Amino acid sequence: MSVLAWLILGLIAGFIASKLVNKTGEGLILDIVLGIVGAFVGGFLFSFVGAAPITGFNIYSIIVAVIGSVVVLFIYHAFAGRSTSSTI
């Protein structure tokens, strides 16, 4: 896939995953970045269980990328959502 296709796939996957996870989105750039990372994670997870990874710019690849993006967003919120102040 071309770089432009990866950006579009990442934007779509990141946007959908952000709406599923926290209903507001993370912003355009972060949605794209998390979507692209999610596409790689989704492709790895699907390959790991024996399913086909991302195959191009199609519905199946968007579903794989969204699932990966949801996983990435849960991890992102687990680390970014932590409070830095301690109550001692």
PDB file of N, CA and C in Angstrom:
ATOM      1  N   MET A   1       0.851  -1.182   0.000  1.00  0.00           N
ATOM      2  CA  MET A   1       0.000   0.000   0.000  1.00  0.00           C
ATOM      3  C   MET A   1       0.890   1.237   0.000  1.00  0.00           C
ATOM      4  N   SER A   2       0.396   2.298  -0.592  1.00  0.00           N
ATOM      5  CA  SER A   2       1.147   3.543  -0.626  1.00  0.00           C
ATOM      6  C   SER A   2       1.038   4.253   0.723  1.00  0.00           C
ATOM      7  N   VAL A   3       1.880   5.238   0.902  1.00  0.00           N
ATOM      8  CA  VAL A   3       1.877   6.004   2.144  1.00  0.00           C
ATOM      9  C   VAL A   3       0.536   6.715   2.323  1.00  0.00           C
ATOM     10  N   LEU A   4      -0.006   7.247   1.252  1.00  0.00           N
ATOM     11  CA  LEU A   4      -1.295   7.929   1.334  1.00  0.00           C
ATOM     12  C   LEU A   4      -2.405   6.973   1.754  1.00  0.00           C
ATOM     13  N   ALA A   5      -2.384   5.752   1.235  1.00  0.00           N
ATOM     14  CA  ALA A   5      -3.387   4.760   1.618  1.00  0.00           C
ATOM     15  C   ALA A   5      -3.251   4.405   3.090  1.00  0.00           C
ATOM     16  N   TRP A   6      -2.000   4.261   3.586  1.00  0.00           N
ATOM     17  CA  TRP A   6      -1.794   3.987   5.014  1.00  0.00           C
ATOM     18  C   TRP A   6      -2.316   5.135   5.871  1.00  0.00           C
ATOM     19  N   LEU A   7      -2.093   6.388   5.428  1.00  0.00           N
ATOM     20  CA  LEU A   7      -2.593   7.535   6.192  1.00  0.00           C
ATOM     21  C   LEU A   7      -4.117   7.553   6.232  1.00  0.00           C
ATOM     22  N   ILE A   8      -4.742   7.281   5.110  1.00  0.00           N
ATOM     23  CA  ILE A   8      -6.201   7.264   5.065  1.00  0.00           C
ATOM     24  C   ILE A   8      -6.754   6.111   5.903  1.00  0.00           C
ATOM     25  N   LEU A   9      -6.154   4.928   5.755  1.00  0.00           N
ATOM     26  CA  LEU A   9      -6.573   3.779   6.566  1.00  0.00           C
ATOM     27  C   LEU A   9      -6.375   4.070   8.055  1.00  0.00           C
ATOM     28  N   GLY A  10      -5.238   4.675   8.397  1.00  0.00           N
ATOM     29  CA  GLY A  10      -4.970   5.032   9.792  1.00  0.00           C
ATOM     30  C   GLY A  10      -5.953   6.049  10.326  1.00  0.00           C
ATOM     31  N   LEU A  11      -6.293   7.038   9.511  1.00  0.00           N
ATOM     32  CA  LEU A  11      -7.267   8.051   9.938  1.00  0.00           C
ATOM     33  C   LEU A  11      -8.627   7.421  10.188  1.00  0.00           C
ATOM     34  N   ILE A  12      -9.072   6.595   9.261  1.00  0.00           N
ATOM     35  CA  ILE A  12     -10.378   5.943   9.408  1.00  0.00           C
ATOM     36  C   ILE A  12     -10.387   5.034  10.638  1.00  0.00           C
ATOM     37  N   ALA A  13      -9.374   4.198  10.757  1.00  0.00           N
ATOM     38  CA  ALA A  13      -9.311   3.262  11.891  1.00  0.00           C
ATOM     39  C   ALA A  13      -9.174   4.000  13.212  1.00  0.00           C
ATOM     40  N   GLY A  14      -8.310   4.994  13.258  1.00  0.00           N
ATOM     41  CA  GLY A  14      -8.123   5.761  14.490  1.00  0.00           C
ATOM     42  C   GLY A  14      -9.372   6.507  14.899  1.00  0.00           C
ATOM     43  N   PHE A  15     -10.066   7.090  13.924  1.00  0.00           N
ATOM     44  CA  PHE A  15     -11.300   7.816  14.216  1.00  0.00           C
ATOM     45  C   PHE A  15     -12.373   6.889  14.769  1.00  0.00           C
ATOM     46  N   ILE A  16     -12.584   5.759  14.088  1.00  0.00           N
ATOM     47  CA  ILE A  16     -13.603   4.806  14.536  1.00  0.00           C
ATOM     48  C   ILE A  16     -13.249   4.249  15.909  1.00  0.00           C
ATOM     49  N   ALA A  17     -11.991   3.881  16.109  1.00  0.00           N
ATOM     50  CA  ALA A  17     -11.569   3.327  17.402  1.00  0.00           C
ATOM     51  C   ALA A  17     -11.712   4.361  18.510  1.00  0.00           C
ATOM     52  N   SER A  18     -11.355   5.615  18.232  1.00  0.00           N
ATOM     53  CA  SER A  18     -11.500   6.665  19.246  1.00  0.00           C
ATOM     54  C   SER A  18     -12.947   6.858  19.641  1.00  0.00           C
ATOM     55  N   LYS A  19     -13.839   6.799  18.665  1.00  0.00           N
ATOM     56  CA  LYS A  19     -15.266   6.938  18.967  1.00  0.00           C
ATOM     57  C   LYS A  19     -15.778   5.740  19.767  1.00  0.00           C
ATOM     58  N   LEU A  20     -15.240   4.559  19.508  1.00  0.00           N
ATOM     59  CA  LEU A  20     -15.652   3.373  20.255  1.00  0.00           C
ATOM     60  C   LEU A  20     -15.126   3.386  21.685  1.00  0.00           C
ATOM     61  N   VAL A  21     -13.899   3.863  21.865  1.00  0.00           N
ATOM     62  CA  VAL A  21     -13.261   3.785  23.176  1.00  0.00           C
ATOM     63  C   VAL A  21     -13.680   4.929  24.087  1.00  0.00           C
ATOM     64  N   ASN A  22     -13.612   6.172  23.594  1.00  0.00           N
ATOM     65  CA  ASN A  22     -13.890   7.285  24.509  1.00  0.00           C
ATOM     66  C   ASN A  22     -14.881   8.314  23.977  1.00  0.00           C
ATOM     67  N   LYS A  23     -15.511   8.050  22.868  1.00  0.00           N
ATOM     68  CA  LYS A  23     -16.600   8.845  22.293  1.00  0.00           C
ATOM     69  C   LYS A  23     -16.206  10.234  21.796  1.00  0.00           C
ATOM     70  N   THR A  24     -14.981  10.712  22.067  1.00  0.00           N
ATOM     71  CA  THR A  24     -14.634  12.070  21.671  1.00  0.00           C
ATOM     72  C   THR A  24     -13.543  12.149  20.629  1.00  0.00           C
ATOM     73  N   GLY A  25     -12.711  11.156  20.508  1.00  0.00           N
ATOM     74  CA  GLY A  25     -11.572  11.230  19.603  1.00  0.00           C
ATOM     75  C   GLY A  25     -10.387  11.855  20.312  1.00  0.00           C
ATOM     76  N   GLU A  26      -9.231  11.694  19.724  1.00  0.00           N
ATOM     77  CA  GLU A  26      -8.001  12.192  20.334  1.00  0.00           C
ATOM     78  C   GLU A  26      -7.435  13.384  19.583  1.00  0.00           C
ATOM     79  N   GLY A  27      -8.036  13.781  18.493  1.00  0.00           N
ATOM     80  CA  GLY A  27      -7.493  14.809  17.627  1.00  0.00           C
ATOM     81  C   GLY A  27      -7.024  14.167  16.332  1.00  0.00           C
ATOM     82  N   LEU A  28      -6.994  14.938  15.272  1.00  0.00           N
ATOM     83  CA  LEU A  28      -6.715  14.396  13.948  1.00  0.00           C
ATOM     84  C   LEU A  28      -5.363  13.697  13.868  1.00  0.00           C
ATOM     85  N   ILE A  29      -4.311  14.354  14.302  1.00  0.00           N
ATOM     86  CA  ILE A  29      -2.964  13.778  14.179  1.00  0.00           C
ATOM     87  C   ILE A  29      -2.826  12.540  15.048  1.00  0.00           C
ATOM     88  N   LEU A  30      -3.252  12.605  16.291  1.00  0.00           N
ATOM     89  CA  LEU A  30      -3.131  11.449  17.187  1.00  0.00           C
ATOM     90  C   LEU A  30      -4.017  10.299  16.719  1.00  0.00           C
ATOM     91  N   ASP A  31      -5.196  10.612  16.161  1.00  0.00           N
ATOM     92  CA  ASP A  31      -6.047   9.559  15.596  1.00  0.00           C
ATOM     93  C   ASP A  31      -5.342   8.842  14.450  1.00  0.00           C
ATOM     94  N   ILE A  32      -4.663   9.612  13.581  1.00  0.00           N
ATOM     95  CA  ILE A  32      -3.945   9.002  12.467  1.00  0.00           C
ATOM     96  C   ILE A  32      -2.812   8.132  12.976  1.00  0.00           C
ATOM     97  N   VAL A  33      -2.018   8.676  13.905  1.00  0.00           N
ATOM     98  CA  VAL A  33      -0.864   7.926  14.428  1.00  0.00           C
ATOM     99  C   VAL A  33      -1.325   6.655  15.134  1.00  0.00           C
ATOM    100  N   LEU A  34      -2.307   6.776  16.008  1.00  0.00           N
ATOM    101  CA  LEU A  34      -2.807   5.598  16.721  1.00  0.00           C
ATOM    102  C   LEU A  34      -3.474   4.617  15.759  1.00  0.00           C
ATOM    103  N   GLY A  35      -4.101   5.134  14.711  1.00  0.00           N
ATOM    104  CA  GLY A  35      -4.712   4.258  13.713  1.00  0.00           C
ATOM    105  C   GLY A  35      -3.679   3.479  12.920  1.00  0.00           C
ATOM    106  N   ILE A  36      -2.582   4.131  12.534  1.00  0.00           N
ATOM    107  CA  ILE A  36      -1.523   3.439  11.797  1.00  0.00           C
ATOM    108  C   ILE A  36      -0.841   2.416  12.688  1.00  0.00           C
ATOM    109  N   VAL A  37      -0.533   2.805  13.925  1.00  0.00           N
ATOM    110  CA  VAL A  37       0.049   1.842  14.868  1.00  0.00           C
ATOM    111  C   VAL A  37      -0.937   0.704  15.103  1.00  0.00           C
ATOM    112  N   GLY A  38      -2.215   1.037  15.231  1.00  0.00           N
ATOM    113  CA  GLY A  38      -3.249   0.021  15.415  1.00  0.00           C
ATOM    114  C   GLY A  38      -3.355  -0.920  14.230  1.00  0.00           C
ATOM    115  N   ALA A  39      -3.134  -0.404  13.024  1.00  0.00           N
ATOM    116  CA  ALA A  39      -3.164  -1.265  11.840  1.00  0.00           C
ATOM    117  C   ALA A  39      -2.041  -2.298  11.913  1.00  0.00           C
ATOM    118  N   PHE A  40      -0.869  -1.870  12.338  1.00  0.00           N
ATOM    119  CA  PHE A  40       0.238  -2.813  12.493  1.00  0.00           C
ATOM    120  C   PHE A  40      -0.055  -3.819  13.608  1.00  0.00           C
ATOM    121  N   VAL A  41      -0.574  -3.328  14.725  1.00  0.00           N
ATOM    122  CA  VAL A  41      -0.907  -4.214  15.846  1.00  0.00           C
ATOM    123  C   VAL A  41      -2.004  -5.188  15.444  1.00  0.00           C
ATOM    124  N   GLY A  42      -3.036  -4.687  14.781  1.00  0.00           N
ATOM    125  CA  GLY A  42      -4.115  -5.560  14.318  1.00  0.00           C
ATOM    126  C   GLY A  42      -3.615  -6.601  13.339  1.00  0.00           C
ATOM    127  N   GLY A  43      -2.746  -6.197  12.411  1.00  0.00           N
ATOM    128  CA  GLY A  43      -2.166  -7.152  11.472  1.00  0.00           C
ATOM    129  C   GLY A  43      -1.358  -8.218  12.180  1.00  0.00           C
ATOM    130  N   PHE A  44      -0.592  -7.803  13.196  1.00  0.00           N
ATOM    131  CA  PHE A  44       0.189  -8.779  13.971  1.00  0.00           C
ATOM    132  C   PHE A  44      -0.725  -9.729  14.737  1.00  0.00           C
ATOM    133  N   LEU A  45      -1.744  -9.177  15.402  1.00  0.00           N
ATOM    134  CA  LEU A  45      -2.656 -10.020  16.183  1.00  0.00           C
ATOM    135  C   LEU A  45      -3.397 -11.012  15.296  1.00  0.00           C
ATOM    136  N   PHE A  46      -3.869 -10.548  14.147  1.00  0.00           N
ATOM    137  CA  PHE A  46      -4.589 -11.437  13.240  1.00  0.00           C
ATOM    138  C   PHE A  46      -3.657 -12.498  12.673  1.00  0.00           C
ATOM    139  N   SER A  47      -2.407 -12.138  12.349  1.00  0.00           N
ATOM    140  CA  SER A  47      -1.430 -13.131  11.876  1.00  0.00           C
ATOM    141  C   SER A  47      -1.119 -14.141  12.963  1.00  0.00           C
ATOM    142  N   PHE A  48      -1.058 -13.663  14.202  1.00  0.00           N
ATOM    143  CA  PHE A  48      -0.728 -14.522  15.337  1.00  0.00           C
ATOM    144  C   PHE A  48      -1.767 -15.626  15.534  1.00  0.00           C
ATOM    145  N   VAL A  49      -3.042 -15.303  15.295  1.00  0.00           N
ATOM    146  CA  VAL A  49      -4.100 -16.299  15.475  1.00  0.00           C
ATOM    147  C   VAL A  49      -4.423 -17.050  14.187  1.00  0.00           C
ATOM    148  N   GLY A  50      -3.675 -16.776  13.114  1.00  0.00           N
ATOM    149  CA  GLY A  50      -3.848 -17.533  11.883  1.00  0.00           C
ATOM    150  C   GLY A  50      -4.751 -16.890  10.854  1.00  0.00           C
ATOM    151  N   ALA A  51      -5.257 -15.715  11.114  1.00  0.00           N
ATOM    152  CA  ALA A  51      -6.104 -15.028  10.138  1.00  0.00           C
ATOM    153  C   ALA A  51      -5.225 -14.168   9.226  1.00  0.00           C
ATOM    154  N   ALA A  52      -5.790 -13.688   8.159  1.00  0.00           N
ATOM    155  CA  ALA A  52      -5.048 -12.841   7.226  1.00  0.00           C
ATOM    156  C   ALA A  52      -4.831 -11.461   7.835  1.00  0.00           C
ATOM    157  N   PRO A  53      -3.628 -10.914   7.695  1.00  0.00           N
ATOM    158  CA  PRO A  53      -3.394  -9.541   8.171  1.00  0.00           C
ATOM    159  C   PRO A  53      -4.002  -8.543   7.183  1.00  0.00           C
ATOM    160  N   ILE A  54      -3.607  -7.303   7.266  1.00  0.00           N
ATOM    161  CA  ILE A  54      -4.111  -6.272   6.365  1.00  0.00           C
ATOM    162  C   ILE A  54      -3.727  -6.627   4.933  1.00  0.00           C
ATOM    163  N   THR A  55      -4.726  -6.610   4.047  1.00  0.00           N
ATOM    164  CA  THR A  55      -4.526  -7.078   2.677  1.00  0.00           C
ATOM    165  C   THR A  55      -4.581  -5.961   1.650  1.00  0.00           C
ATOM    166  N   GLY A  56      -4.803  -4.749   2.050  1.00  0.00           N
ATOM    167  CA  GLY A  56      -4.928  -3.623   1.129  1.00  0.00           C
ATOM    168  C   GLY A  56      -5.945  -2.651   1.691  1.00  0.00           C
ATOM    169  N   PHE A  57      -6.418  -1.771   0.849  1.00  0.00           N
ATOM    170  CA  PHE A  57      -7.400  -0.778   1.287  1.00  0.00           C
ATOM    171  C   PHE A  57      -8.794  -1.319   1.008  1.00  0.00           C
ATOM    172  N   ASN A  58      -9.328  -2.090   1.981  1.00  0.00           N
ATOM    173  CA  ASN A  58     -10.656  -2.684   1.839  1.00  0.00           C
ATOM    174  C   ASN A  58     -11.320  -2.774   3.209  1.00  0.00           C
ATOM    175  N   ILE A  59     -12.556  -3.240   3.236  1.00  0.00           N
ATOM    176  CA  ILE A  59     -13.322  -3.298   4.492  1.00  0.00           C
ATOM    177  C   ILE A  59     -12.651  -4.214   5.511  1.00  0.00           C
ATOM    178  N   TYR A  60     -12.173  -5.365   5.071  1.00  0.00           N
ATOM    179  CA  TYR A  60     -11.518  -6.303   5.985  1.00  0.00           C
ATOM    180  C   TYR A  60     -10.317  -5.641   6.659  1.00  0.00           C
ATOM    181  N   SER A  61      -9.514  -4.922   5.898  1.00  0.00           N
ATOM    182  CA  SER A  61      -8.337  -4.261   6.459  1.00  0.00           C
ATOM    183  C   SER A  61      -8.724  -3.159   7.438  1.00  0.00           C
ATOM    184  N   ILE A  62      -9.813  -2.464   7.148  1.00  0.00           N
ATOM    185  CA  ILE A  62     -10.287  -1.427   8.073  1.00  0.00           C
ATOM    186  C   ILE A  62     -10.732  -2.069   9.380  1.00  0.00           C
ATOM    187  N   ILE A  63     -11.415  -3.200   9.312  1.00  0.00           N
ATOM    188  CA  ILE A  63     -11.843  -3.906  10.530  1.00  0.00           C
ATOM    189  C   ILE A  63     -10.633  -4.360  11.339  1.00  0.00           C
ATOM    190  N   VAL A  64      -9.629  -4.926  10.660  1.00  0.00           N
ATOM    191  CA  VAL A  64      -8.402  -5.353  11.336  1.00  0.00           C
ATOM    192  C   VAL A  64      -7.722  -4.150  11.992  1.00  0.00           C
ATOM    193  N   ALA A  65      -7.632  -3.040  11.264  1.00  0.00           N
ATOM    194  CA  ALA A  65      -6.990  -1.837  11.795  1.00  0.00           C
ATOM    195  C   ALA A  65      -7.766  -1.246  12.966  1.00  0.00           C
ATOM    196  N   VAL A  66      -9.093  -1.272  12.893  1.00  0.00           N
ATOM    197  CA  VAL A  66      -9.909  -0.737  13.995  1.00  0.00           C
ATOM    198  C   VAL A  66      -9.714  -1.588  15.248  1.00  0.00           C
ATOM    199  N   ILE A  67      -9.714  -2.900  15.099  1.00  0.00           N
ATOM    200  CA  ILE A  67      -9.496  -3.779  16.257  1.00  0.00           C
ATOM    201  C   ILE A  67      -8.123  -3.511  16.861  1.00  0.00           C
ATOM    202  N   GLY A  68      -7.113  -3.409  16.025  1.00  0.00           N
ATOM    203  CA  GLY A  68      -5.773  -3.082  16.524  1.00  0.00           C
ATOM    204  C   GLY A  68      -5.723  -1.712  17.170  1.00  0.00           C
ATOM    205  N   SER A  69      -6.436  -0.738  16.589  1.00  0.00           N
ATOM    206  CA  SER A  69      -6.458   0.615  17.149  1.00  0.00           C
ATOM    207  C   SER A  69      -7.156   0.663  18.496  1.00  0.00           C
ATOM    208  N   VAL A  70      -8.204  -0.131  18.657  1.00  0.00           N
ATOM    209  CA  VAL A  70      -8.874  -0.202  19.966  1.00  0.00           C
ATOM    210  C   VAL A  70      -7.902  -0.738  21.016  1.00  0.00           C
ATOM    211  N   VAL A  71      -7.142  -1.765  20.661  1.00  0.00           N
ATOM    212  CA  VAL A  71      -6.137  -2.309  21.588  1.00  0.00           C
ATOM    213  C   VAL A  71      -5.107  -1.238  21.933  1.00  0.00           C
ATOM    214  N   VAL A  72      -4.614  -0.529  20.902  1.00  0.00           N
ATOM    215  CA  VAL A  72      -3.620   0.523  21.121  1.00  0.00           C
ATOM    216  C   VAL A  72      -4.208   1.641  21.981  1.00  0.00           C
ATOM    217  N   LEU A  73      -5.453   2.012  21.755  1.00  0.00           N
ATOM    218  CA  LEU A  73      -6.077   3.072  22.551  1.00  0.00           C
ATOM    219  C   LEU A  73      -6.254   2.671  24.012  1.00  0.00           C
ATOM    220  N   PHE A  74      -6.621   1.413  24.265  1.00  0.00           N
ATOM    221  CA  PHE A  74      -6.720   0.972  25.652  1.00  0.00           C
ATOM    222  C   PHE A  74      -5.359   1.059  26.333  1.00  0.00           C
ATOM    223  N   ILE A  75      -4.318   0.658  25.635  1.00  0.00           N
ATOM    224  CA  ILE A  75      -2.960   0.758  26.193  1.00  0.00           C
ATOM    225  C   ILE A  75      -2.572   2.223  26.376  1.00  0.00           C
ATOM    226  N   TYR A  76      -2.875   3.053  25.386  1.00  0.00           N
ATOM    227  CA  TYR A  76      -2.575   4.487  25.462  1.00  0.00           C
ATOM    228  C   TYR A  76      -3.260   5.127  26.664  1.00  0.00           C
ATOM    229  N   HIS A  77      -4.548   4.834  26.848  1.00  0.00           N
ATOM    230  CA  HIS A  77      -5.280   5.411  27.984  1.00  0.00           C
ATOM    231  C   HIS A  77      -4.794   4.855  29.319  1.00  0.00           C
ATOM    232  N   ALA A  78      -4.323   3.626  29.333  1.00  0.00           N
ATOM    233  CA  ALA A  78      -3.799   3.051  30.575  1.00  0.00           C
ATOM    234  C   ALA A  78      -2.549   3.807  31.033  1.00  0.00           C
ATOM    235  N   PHE A  79      -1.718   4.228  30.071  1.00  0.00           N
ATOM    236  CA  PHE A  79      -0.499   4.947  30.438  1.00  0.00           C
ATOM    237  C   PHE A  79      -0.700   6.447  30.505  1.00  0.00           C
ATOM    238  N   ALA A  80      -1.426   7.037  29.576  1.00  0.00           N
ATOM    239  CA  ALA A  80      -1.630   8.486  29.544  1.00  0.00           C
ATOM    240  C   ALA A  80      -2.636   8.943  30.587  1.00  0.00           C
ATOM    241  N   GLY A  81      -3.507   8.053  31.021  1.00  0.00           N
ATOM    242  CA  GLY A  81      -4.538   8.418  31.976  1.00  0.00           C
ATOM    243  C   GLY A  81      -4.092   8.400  33.417  1.00  0.00           C
ATOM    244  N   ARG A  82      -2.850   7.932  33.636  1.00  0.00           N
ATOM    245  CA  ARG A  82      -2.353   7.868  35.007  1.00  0.00           C
ATOM    246  C   ARG A  82      -2.083   9.251  35.556  1.00  0.00           C
ATOM    247  N   SER A  83      -2.375   9.427  36.816  1.00  0.00           N
ATOM    248  CA  SER A  83      -2.101  10.693  37.490  1.00  0.00           C
ATOM    249  C   SER A  83      -0.652  10.703  37.955  1.00  0.00           C
ATOM    250  N   THR A  84       0.007  11.850  37.812  1.00  0.00           N
ATOM    251  CA  THR A  84       1.404  11.939  38.207  1.00  0.00           C
ATOM    252  C   THR A  84       1.571  12.354  39.660  1.00  0.00           C
ATOM    253  N   SER A  85       0.501  12.785  40.299  1.00  0.00           N
ATOM    254  CA  SER A  85       0.610  13.195  41.693  1.00  0.00           C
ATOM    255  C   SER A  85       0.427  11.972  42.607  1.00  0.00           C
ATOM    256  N   SER A  86       1.166  11.997  43.694  1.00  0.00           N
ATOM    257  CA  SER A  86       1.047  10.886  44.646  1.00  0.00           C
ATOM    258  C   SER A  86       0.385  11.395  45.919  1.00  0.00           C
ATOM    259  N   THR A  87      -0.314  10.524  46.584  1.00  0.00           N
ATOM    260  CA  THR A  87      -1.008  10.879  47.819  1.00  0.00           C
ATOM    261  C   THR A  87      -0.352  10.138  48.974  1.00  0.00           C
ATOM    262  N   ILE A  88       0.693  10.721  49.470  1.00  0.00           N
ATOM    263  CA  ILE A  88       1.413  10.100  50.596  1.00  0.00           C
ATOM    264  C   ILE A  88       1.156  10.844  51.853  1.00  0.00           C
TER     265      ILE A  88
END
